[in-house]
Amino acid sequence: MLLRDAGGTDGGGVEVFLQRRVAAMAFAAGMTVFPGGGVDERDADASVRWAGPPPRQWAEWFGCSVSLASALVCAAVRETFEESGVLLAGSAEAVVGDTADYAAARRALVSRELSLAGFLNDAGLTLRADLLRPWANWVTPEQEPRRYDARFFVAALPRGQHADGETTEAESSGWQRPRDAIADAEAGRSILMPPTWYVLGELAECASVAEVLATTKPIPKITPRLVVDGDQVRVELP
């Protein structure tokens, strides 16, 4: 979940970068989602330069192995760059400001011609795990034929960078206040999956990006249950 301060005169709050997936996608077609995707086996490459909480800390937060934790953080950084053009990397002291010089690398990452570790090492960049925070862990219901164990991260848009929608997986992209995104779903103008809806509600309670990043909370594994009630399906949370 890529965030920026909303500003304005109506109480501040945050804006989150959202994308509406194209209708041809195998999963969550037409849904409004956060940038993200699956772990590539090369995301576990230990040669990547790393700054911030080490993989063992992420493993503790997400309740998983150290190797998976490292891959999850790398996947989050890679997918954010691929789908929005925002790169959570730099040196140990500074974050990349303008990502235009890495446009070719972005395309190579999308096509899997290049791994994240290969890109960062060739460019002399360090993965900035300190820019990320763990937020949630949701698992698709057991009744679903296609299941995912998804970890959610939050990160602030780095100064000087611009989030775009230059990805074939989304038909539109943009910034929106969490409450407005929920209102669109309630009015039928968009479709949100339960985890997205729930997390947007949590973000709506935060007055600033700084407050979001300062939030510490347990990260339980949440597995909703689908309950058929007549001609309707209800989602129940544990």
C-alpha atoms as a PDB file:
ATOM      1  CA  MET A   1       0.000   0.000   0.000  1.00  0.00           C
ATOM      2  CA  LEU A   2       1.747   3.087  -1.311  1.00  0.00           C
ATOM      3  CA  LEU A   3       0.763   6.201   0.657  1.00  0.00           C
ATOM      4  CA  ARG A   4       1.075   9.974   0.620  1.00  0.00           C
ATOM      5  CA  ASP A   5      -0.390  12.697   2.824  1.00  0.00           C
ATOM      6  CA  ALA A   6      -3.699  13.982   1.481  1.00  0.00           C
ATOM      7  CA  GLY A   7      -3.290  17.579   2.615  1.00  0.00           C
ATOM      8  CA  GLY A   8      -6.153  19.996   2.057  1.00  0.00           C
ATOM      9  CA  THR A   9      -8.368  21.640   4.645  1.00  0.00           C
ATOM     10  CA  ASP A  10     -10.668  18.737   5.498  1.00  0.00           C
ATOM     11  CA  GLY A  11      -8.669  17.097   8.250  1.00  0.00           C
ATOM     12  CA  GLY A  12      -5.691  15.726   6.384  1.00  0.00           C
ATOM     13  CA  GLY A  13      -5.506  11.960   6.284  1.00  0.00           C
ATOM     14  CA  VAL A  14      -3.765   9.871   3.683  1.00  0.00           C
ATOM     15  CA  GLU A  15      -4.186   8.928   0.057  1.00  0.00           C
ATOM     16  CA  VAL A  16      -3.416   5.449  -1.232  1.00  0.00           C
ATOM     17  CA  PHE A  17      -2.379   4.444  -4.741  1.00  0.00           C
ATOM     18  CA  LEU A  18      -5.001   2.122  -6.263  1.00  0.00           C
ATOM     19  CA  GLN A  19      -5.301   0.278  -9.538  1.00  0.00           C
ATOM     20  CA  ARG A  20      -8.297  -1.263 -11.309  1.00  0.00           C
ATOM     21  CA  ARG A  21      -7.243  -4.605 -12.748  1.00  0.00           C
ATOM     22  CA  VAL A  22      -8.037  -5.397 -16.364  1.00  0.00           C
ATOM     23  CA  ALA A  23     -10.990  -7.695 -17.017  1.00  0.00           C
ATOM     24  CA  ALA A  24      -8.798 -10.387 -18.579  1.00  0.00           C
ATOM     25  CA  MET A  25      -6.882 -11.147 -15.362  1.00  0.00           C
ATOM     26  CA  ALA A  26      -7.250 -14.701 -13.996  1.00  0.00           C
ATOM     27  CA  PHE A  27      -7.628 -13.416 -10.428  1.00  0.00           C
ATOM     28  CA  ALA A  28      -9.499 -10.341  -9.177  1.00  0.00           C
ATOM     29  CA  ALA A  29     -10.464  -9.247 -12.682  1.00  0.00           C
ATOM     30  CA  GLY A  30     -11.935  -5.734 -12.674  1.00  0.00           C
ATOM     31  CA  MET A  31     -11.219  -5.299  -8.967  1.00  0.00           C
ATOM     32  CA  THR A  32      -9.694  -2.177  -7.420  1.00  0.00           C
ATOM     33  CA  VAL A  33      -6.488  -3.282  -5.706  1.00  0.00           C
ATOM     34  CA  PHE A  34      -3.134  -2.207  -4.340  1.00  0.00           C
ATOM     35  CA  PRO A  35      -0.043  -2.837  -6.482  1.00  0.00           C
ATOM     36  CA  GLY A  36       1.331  -6.288  -5.827  1.00  0.00           C
ATOM     37  CA  GLY A  37       1.851  -9.792  -7.081  1.00  0.00           C
ATOM     38  CA  GLY A  38       3.490 -13.133  -6.495  1.00  0.00           C
ATOM     39  CA  VAL A  39       6.934 -14.033  -5.251  1.00  0.00           C
ATOM     40  CA  ASP A  40       9.436 -14.922  -7.969  1.00  0.00           C
ATOM     41  CA  GLU A  41      11.890 -17.658  -6.978  1.00  0.00           C
ATOM     42  CA  ARG A  42      14.728 -15.202  -7.671  1.00  0.00           C
ATOM     43  CA  ASP A  43      13.349 -12.822  -5.018  1.00  0.00           C
ATOM     44  CA  ALA A  44      15.124 -15.069  -2.498  1.00  0.00           C
ATOM     45  CA  ASP A  45      18.559 -14.162  -3.928  1.00  0.00           C
ATOM     46  CA  ALA A  46      20.696 -13.401  -0.870  1.00  0.00           C
ATOM     47  CA  SER A  47      23.143 -11.284  -2.874  1.00  0.00           C
ATOM     48  CA  VAL A  48      20.828  -8.259  -2.839  1.00  0.00           C
ATOM     49  CA  ARG A  49      22.176  -5.239  -0.954  1.00  0.00           C
ATOM     50  CA  TRP A  50      19.925  -4.637   2.046  1.00  0.00           C
ATOM     51  CA  ALA A  51      19.330  -1.766   4.486  1.00  0.00           C
ATOM     52  CA  GLY A  52      16.804  -1.752   7.294  1.00  0.00           C
ATOM     53  CA  PRO A  53      15.205  -4.501   9.403  1.00  0.00           C
ATOM     54  CA  PRO A  54      16.924  -7.803   8.506  1.00  0.00           C
ATOM     55  CA  PRO A  55      14.998 -10.787   7.116  1.00  0.00           C
ATOM     56  CA  ARG A  56      14.875 -12.458  10.548  1.00  0.00           C
ATOM     57  CA  GLN A  57      12.875  -9.475  11.857  1.00  0.00           C
ATOM     58  CA  TRP A  58      10.429  -9.695   8.964  1.00  0.00           C
ATOM     59  CA  ALA A  59      10.161 -13.441   9.602  1.00  0.00           C
ATOM     60  CA  GLU A  60       9.147 -12.713  13.178  1.00  0.00           C
ATOM     61  CA  TRP A  61       6.564 -10.136  12.091  1.00  0.00           C
ATOM     62  CA  PHE A  62       4.987 -12.365   9.457  1.00  0.00           C
ATOM     63  CA  GLY A  63       5.457 -15.688  11.245  1.00  0.00           C
ATOM     64  CA  CYS A  64       7.361 -17.370   8.435  1.00  0.00           C
ATOM     65  CA  SER A  65      10.838 -18.636   7.597  1.00  0.00           C
ATOM     66  CA  VAL A  66      13.727 -16.203   7.174  1.00  0.00           C
ATOM     67  CA  SER A  67      14.191 -17.156   3.525  1.00  0.00           C
ATOM     68  CA  LEU A  68      10.512 -16.534   2.758  1.00  0.00           C
ATOM     69  CA  ALA A  69      10.576 -13.254   4.673  1.00  0.00           C
ATOM     70  CA  SER A  70      13.503 -12.047   2.557  1.00  0.00           C
ATOM     71  CA  ALA A  71      11.688 -13.069  -0.629  1.00  0.00           C
ATOM     72  CA  LEU A  72       8.484 -11.328   0.489  1.00  0.00           C
ATOM     73  CA  VAL A  73      10.242  -7.999   1.063  1.00  0.00           C
ATOM     74  CA  CYS A  74      12.067  -8.275  -2.265  1.00  0.00           C
ATOM     75  CA  ALA A  75       8.816  -9.151  -4.038  1.00  0.00           C
ATOM     76  CA  ALA A  76       7.101  -6.133  -2.478  1.00  0.00           C
ATOM     77  CA  VAL A  77       9.852  -3.812  -3.703  1.00  0.00           C
ATOM     78  CA  ARG A  78       9.961  -5.414  -7.157  1.00  0.00           C
ATOM     79  CA  GLU A  79       6.190  -5.459  -7.702  1.00  0.00           C
ATOM     80  CA  THR A  80       5.824  -1.854  -6.508  1.00  0.00           C
ATOM     81  CA  PHE A  81       8.426  -0.782  -9.062  1.00  0.00           C
ATOM     82  CA  GLU A  82       6.968  -2.904 -11.861  1.00  0.00           C
ATOM     83  CA  GLU A  83       3.379  -1.769 -11.372  1.00  0.00           C
ATOM     84  CA  SER A  84       3.746   1.843 -10.246  1.00  0.00           C
ATOM     85  CA  GLY A  85       7.294   2.917 -11.140  1.00  0.00           C
ATOM     86  CA  VAL A  86       8.083   3.647  -7.486  1.00  0.00           C
ATOM     87  CA  LEU A  87      11.447   2.272  -6.396  1.00  0.00           C
ATOM     88  CA  LEU A  88      12.107   1.676  -2.702  1.00  0.00           C
ATOM     89  CA  ALA A  89      15.864   1.628  -3.073  1.00  0.00           C
ATOM     90  CA  GLY A  90      18.883   3.904  -3.072  1.00  0.00           C
ATOM     91  CA  SER A  91      21.969   4.073  -0.917  1.00  0.00           C
ATOM     92  CA  ALA A  92      22.153   3.449   2.799  1.00  0.00           C
ATOM     93  CA  GLU A  93      21.774   7.219   3.307  1.00  0.00           C
ATOM     94  CA  ALA A  94      19.418   8.346   0.517  1.00  0.00           C
ATOM     95  CA  VAL A  95      16.488   7.100  -1.560  1.00  0.00           C
ATOM     96  CA  VAL A  96      16.277   7.289  -5.340  1.00  0.00           C
ATOM     97  CA  GLY A  97      14.582  10.533  -6.360  1.00  0.00           C
ATOM     98  CA  ASP A  98      13.889  10.150 -10.077  1.00  0.00           C
ATOM     99  CA  THR A  99      13.424   6.657 -11.472  1.00  0.00           C
ATOM    100  CA  ALA A 100      13.470   7.672 -15.162  1.00  0.00           C
ATOM    101  CA  ASP A 101      16.978   6.274 -15.629  1.00  0.00           C
ATOM    102  CA  TYR A 102      15.706   2.829 -14.649  1.00  0.00           C
ATOM    103  CA  ALA A 103      12.852   2.563 -17.173  1.00  0.00           C
ATOM    104  CA  ALA A 104      14.626  -0.125 -19.203  1.00  0.00           C
ATOM    105  CA  ALA A 105      15.328  -2.141 -16.058  1.00  0.00           C
ATOM    106  CA  ARG A 106      11.661  -1.867 -15.100  1.00  0.00           C
ATOM    107  CA  ARG A 107      10.627  -3.390 -18.413  1.00  0.00           C
ATOM    108  CA  ALA A 108      13.211  -6.153 -18.011  1.00  0.00           C
ATOM    109  CA  LEU A 109      11.884  -6.940 -14.535  1.00  0.00           C
ATOM    110  CA  VAL A 110       8.331  -7.202 -15.877  1.00  0.00           C
ATOM    111  CA  SER A 111       9.442  -9.592 -18.650  1.00  0.00           C
ATOM    112  CA  ARG A 112      11.531 -11.575 -16.117  1.00  0.00           C
ATOM    113  CA  GLU A 113      14.677 -10.969 -18.170  1.00  0.00           C
ATOM    114  CA  LEU A 114      16.164  -9.443 -15.020  1.00  0.00           C
ATOM    115  CA  SER A 115      15.922 -10.278 -11.329  1.00  0.00           C
ATOM    116  CA  LEU A 116      15.576  -7.680  -8.605  1.00  0.00           C
ATOM    117  CA  ALA A 117      18.968  -8.562  -7.123  1.00  0.00           C
ATOM    118  CA  GLY A 118      20.586  -8.385 -10.552  1.00  0.00           C
ATOM    119  CA  PHE A 119      19.040  -4.982 -11.243  1.00  0.00           C
ATOM    120  CA  LEU A 120      19.928  -3.447  -7.878  1.00  0.00           C
ATOM    121  CA  ASN A 121      23.466  -4.836  -7.859  1.00  0.00           C
ATOM    122  CA  ASP A 122      24.175  -3.718 -11.436  1.00  0.00           C
ATOM    123  CA  ALA A 123      22.834  -0.248 -10.626  1.00  0.00           C
ATOM    124  CA  GLY A 124      24.765  -0.022  -7.345  1.00  0.00           C
ATOM    125  CA  LEU A 125      21.513   0.325  -5.415  1.00  0.00           C
ATOM    126  CA  THR A 126      20.502  -0.931  -1.986  1.00  0.00           C
ATOM    127  CA  LEU A 127      17.073  -2.333  -1.161  1.00  0.00           C
ATOM    128  CA  ARG A 128      15.590  -0.068   1.527  1.00  0.00           C
ATOM    129  CA  ALA A 129      13.610  -2.411   3.761  1.00  0.00           C
ATOM    130  CA  ASP A 130      13.407   0.413   6.305  1.00  0.00           C
ATOM    131  CA  LEU A 131      10.911   2.197   4.033  1.00  0.00           C
ATOM    132  CA  LEU A 132       8.425  -0.676   4.421  1.00  0.00           C
ATOM    133  CA  ARG A 133       6.236  -1.656   7.345  1.00  0.00           C
ATOM    134  CA  PRO A 134       4.302  -4.922   7.810  1.00  0.00           C
ATOM    135  CA  TRP A 135       0.542  -4.426   7.935  1.00  0.00           C
ATOM    136  CA  ALA A 136      -1.557  -7.563   7.408  1.00  0.00           C
ATOM    137  CA  ASN A 137      -1.635 -11.204   6.329  1.00  0.00           C
ATOM    138  CA  TRP A 138      -4.753 -12.500   4.588  1.00  0.00           C
ATOM    139  CA  VAL A 139      -5.420 -15.969   3.161  1.00  0.00           C
ATOM    140  CA  THR A 140      -8.159 -16.625   0.609  1.00  0.00           C
ATOM    141  CA  PRO A 141     -11.065 -18.749   1.929  1.00  0.00           C
ATOM    142  CA  GLU A 142     -10.776 -22.525   1.749  1.00  0.00           C
ATOM    143  CA  GLN A 143     -13.749 -22.666  -0.636  1.00  0.00           C
ATOM    144  CA  GLU A 144     -11.894 -20.658  -3.301  1.00  0.00           C
ATOM    145  CA  PRO A 145     -10.297 -22.729  -6.091  1.00  0.00           C
ATOM    146  CA  ARG A 146      -7.414 -20.240  -6.420  1.00  0.00           C
ATOM    147  CA  ARG A 147      -5.842 -19.504  -3.041  1.00  0.00           C
ATOM    148  CA  TYR A 148      -3.207 -17.028  -1.880  1.00  0.00           C
ATOM    149  CA  ASP A 149      -1.337 -16.313   1.338  1.00  0.00           C
ATOM    150  CA  ALA A 150      -0.892 -12.559   0.941  1.00  0.00           C
ATOM    151  CA  ARG A 151       1.214 -10.244   3.078  1.00  0.00           C
ATOM    152  CA  PHE A 152       0.401  -6.537   3.013  1.00  0.00           C
ATOM    153  CA  PHE A 153       3.025  -3.824   3.416  1.00  0.00           C
ATOM    154  CA  VAL A 154       2.785  -0.044   3.703  1.00  0.00           C
ATOM    155  CA  ALA A 155       5.306   2.479   2.381  1.00  0.00           C
ATOM    156  CA  ALA A 156       5.383   6.227   1.826  1.00  0.00           C
ATOM    157  CA  LEU A 157       5.879   7.606  -1.676  1.00  0.00           C
ATOM    158  CA  PRO A 158       9.551   8.700  -1.719  1.00  0.00           C
ATOM    159  CA  ARG A 159      10.191  12.387  -2.310  1.00  0.00           C
ATOM    160  CA  GLY A 160      10.827  13.148  -5.974  1.00  0.00           C
ATOM    161  CA  GLN A 161       9.192   9.970  -7.243  1.00  0.00           C
ATOM    162  CA  HIS A 162       5.936   9.671  -9.158  1.00  0.00           C
ATOM    163  CA  ALA A 163       3.495   6.739  -9.143  1.00  0.00           C
ATOM    164  CA  ASP A 164       2.133   5.900 -12.589  1.00  0.00           C
ATOM    165  CA  GLY A 165      -0.198   3.341 -14.077  1.00  0.00           C
ATOM    166  CA  GLU A 166       2.125   2.025 -16.759  1.00  0.00           C
ATOM    167  CA  THR A 167       1.317  -1.641 -16.315  1.00  0.00           C
ATOM    168  CA  THR A 168      -0.613  -4.003 -18.557  1.00  0.00           C
ATOM    169  CA  GLU A 169      -2.336  -5.451 -15.471  1.00  0.00           C
ATOM    170  CA  ALA A 170      -4.362  -2.294 -14.738  1.00  0.00           C
ATOM    171  CA  GLU A 171      -6.828  -0.348 -16.850  1.00  0.00           C
ATOM    172  CA  SER A 172      -6.602   2.710 -14.575  1.00  0.00           C
ATOM    173  CA  SER A 173      -4.558   3.911 -11.615  1.00  0.00           C
ATOM    174  CA  GLY A 174      -4.576   6.848  -9.245  1.00  0.00           C
ATOM    175  CA  TRP A 175      -4.515   8.271  -5.742  1.00  0.00           C
ATOM    176  CA  GLN A 176      -7.593   8.214  -3.558  1.00  0.00           C
ATOM    177  CA  ARG A 177      -8.541   8.731   0.060  1.00  0.00           C
ATOM    178  CA  PRO A 178      -9.405   5.393   1.665  1.00  0.00           C
ATOM    179  CA  ARG A 179     -12.904   6.549   2.654  1.00  0.00           C
ATOM    180  CA  ASP A 180     -13.605   7.694  -0.911  1.00  0.00           C
ATOM    181  CA  ALA A 181     -12.478   4.323  -2.257  1.00  0.00           C
ATOM    182  CA  ILE A 182     -14.859   2.578   0.141  1.00  0.00           C
ATOM    183  CA  ALA A 183     -17.679   4.967  -0.846  1.00  0.00           C
ATOM    184  CA  ASP A 184     -17.125   4.103  -4.512  1.00  0.00           C
ATOM    185  CA  ALA A 185     -17.459   0.409  -3.682  1.00  0.00           C
ATOM    186  CA  GLU A 186     -20.595   0.974  -1.630  1.00  0.00           C
ATOM    187  CA  ALA A 187     -22.135   2.913  -4.538  1.00  0.00           C
ATOM    188  CA  GLY A 188     -21.233   0.187  -7.034  1.00  0.00           C
ATOM    189  CA  ARG A 189     -18.695   2.288  -8.913  1.00  0.00           C
ATOM    190  CA  SER A 190     -15.902  -0.154  -8.087  1.00  0.00           C
ATOM    191  CA  ILE A 191     -15.378  -3.609  -6.597  1.00  0.00           C
ATOM    192  CA  LEU A 192     -13.176  -4.292  -3.579  1.00  0.00           C
ATOM    193  CA  MET A 193     -12.122  -7.654  -2.232  1.00  0.00           C
ATOM    194  CA  PRO A 194     -12.752  -8.034   1.527  1.00  0.00           C
ATOM    195  CA  PRO A 195      -9.071  -7.637   2.534  1.00  0.00           C
ATOM    196  CA  THR A 196      -8.758  -4.453   0.484  1.00  0.00           C
ATOM    197  CA  TRP A 197     -11.980  -3.048   1.953  1.00  0.00           C
ATOM    198  CA  TYR A 198     -10.942  -3.910   5.512  1.00  0.00           C
ATOM    199  CA  VAL A 199      -7.434  -2.461   5.198  1.00  0.00           C
ATOM    200  CA  LEU A 200      -8.751   0.720   3.578  1.00  0.00           C
ATOM    201  CA  GLY A 201     -10.961   1.132   6.639  1.00  0.00           C
ATOM    202  CA  GLU A 202      -7.895   0.889   8.869  1.00  0.00           C
ATOM    203  CA  LEU A 203      -5.993   3.456   6.804  1.00  0.00           C
ATOM    204  CA  ALA A 204      -8.971   5.816   6.889  1.00  0.00           C
ATOM    205  CA  GLU A 205      -8.525   6.119  10.653  1.00  0.00           C
ATOM    206  CA  CYS A 206      -4.969   7.481  10.322  1.00  0.00           C
ATOM    207  CA  ALA A 207      -4.358  11.226  10.214  1.00  0.00           C
ATOM    208  CA  SER A 208      -1.067  11.079   8.312  1.00  0.00           C
ATOM    209  CA  VAL A 209       1.453   8.809   6.636  1.00  0.00           C
ATOM    210  CA  ALA A 210       3.714   9.279   9.652  1.00  0.00           C
ATOM    211  CA  GLU A 211       0.967   7.860  11.863  1.00  0.00           C
ATOM    212  CA  VAL A 212       0.577   4.840   9.587  1.00  0.00           C
ATOM    213  CA  LEU A 213       4.302   4.136   9.578  1.00  0.00           C
ATOM    214  CA  ALA A 214       4.484   4.509  13.359  1.00  0.00           C
ATOM    215  CA  THR A 215       1.709   1.967  13.909  1.00  0.00           C
ATOM    216  CA  THR A 216       2.791  -1.314  15.459  1.00  0.00           C
ATOM    217  CA  LYS A 217       0.349  -4.176  15.720  1.00  0.00           C
ATOM    218  CA  PRO A 218       0.321  -7.969  15.614  1.00  0.00           C
ATOM    219  CA  ILE A 219       0.034  -9.527  12.149  1.00  0.00           C
ATOM    220  CA  PRO A 220      -2.307 -12.514  12.546  1.00  0.00           C
ATOM    221  CA  LYS A 221      -3.081 -14.747   9.590  1.00  0.00           C
ATOM    222  CA  ILE A 222      -6.701 -13.925   8.680  1.00  0.00           C
ATOM    223  CA  THR A 223      -8.682 -16.525   6.723  1.00  0.00           C
ATOM    224  CA  PRO A 224     -12.264 -15.414   5.940  1.00  0.00           C
ATOM    225  CA  ARG A 225     -15.064 -17.948   5.537  1.00  0.00           C
ATOM    226  CA  LEU A 226     -17.648 -17.861   2.764  1.00  0.00           C
ATOM    227  CA  VAL A 227     -21.184 -18.585   3.946  1.00  0.00           C
ATOM    228  CA  VAL A 228     -23.949 -19.209   1.400  1.00  0.00           C
ATOM    229  CA  ASP A 229     -27.204 -17.638   2.590  1.00  0.00           C
ATOM    230  CA  GLY A 230     -29.913 -18.239   0.018  1.00  0.00           C
ATOM    231  CA  ASP A 231     -28.825 -16.512  -3.181  1.00  0.00           C
ATOM    232  CA  GLN A 232     -26.200 -14.427  -1.386  1.00  0.00           C
ATOM    233  CA  VAL A 233     -22.686 -15.147  -0.204  1.00  0.00           C
ATOM    234  CA  ARG A 234     -21.564 -13.647   3.090  1.00  0.00           C
ATOM    235  CA  VAL A 235     -17.954 -13.223   4.128  1.00  0.00           C
ATOM    236  CA  GLU A 236     -17.294 -13.979   7.788  1.00  0.00           C
ATOM    237  CA  LEU A 237     -14.077 -12.947   9.523  1.00  0.00           C
ATOM    238  CA  PRO A 238     -12.577 -14.887  12.435  1.00  0.00           C
END
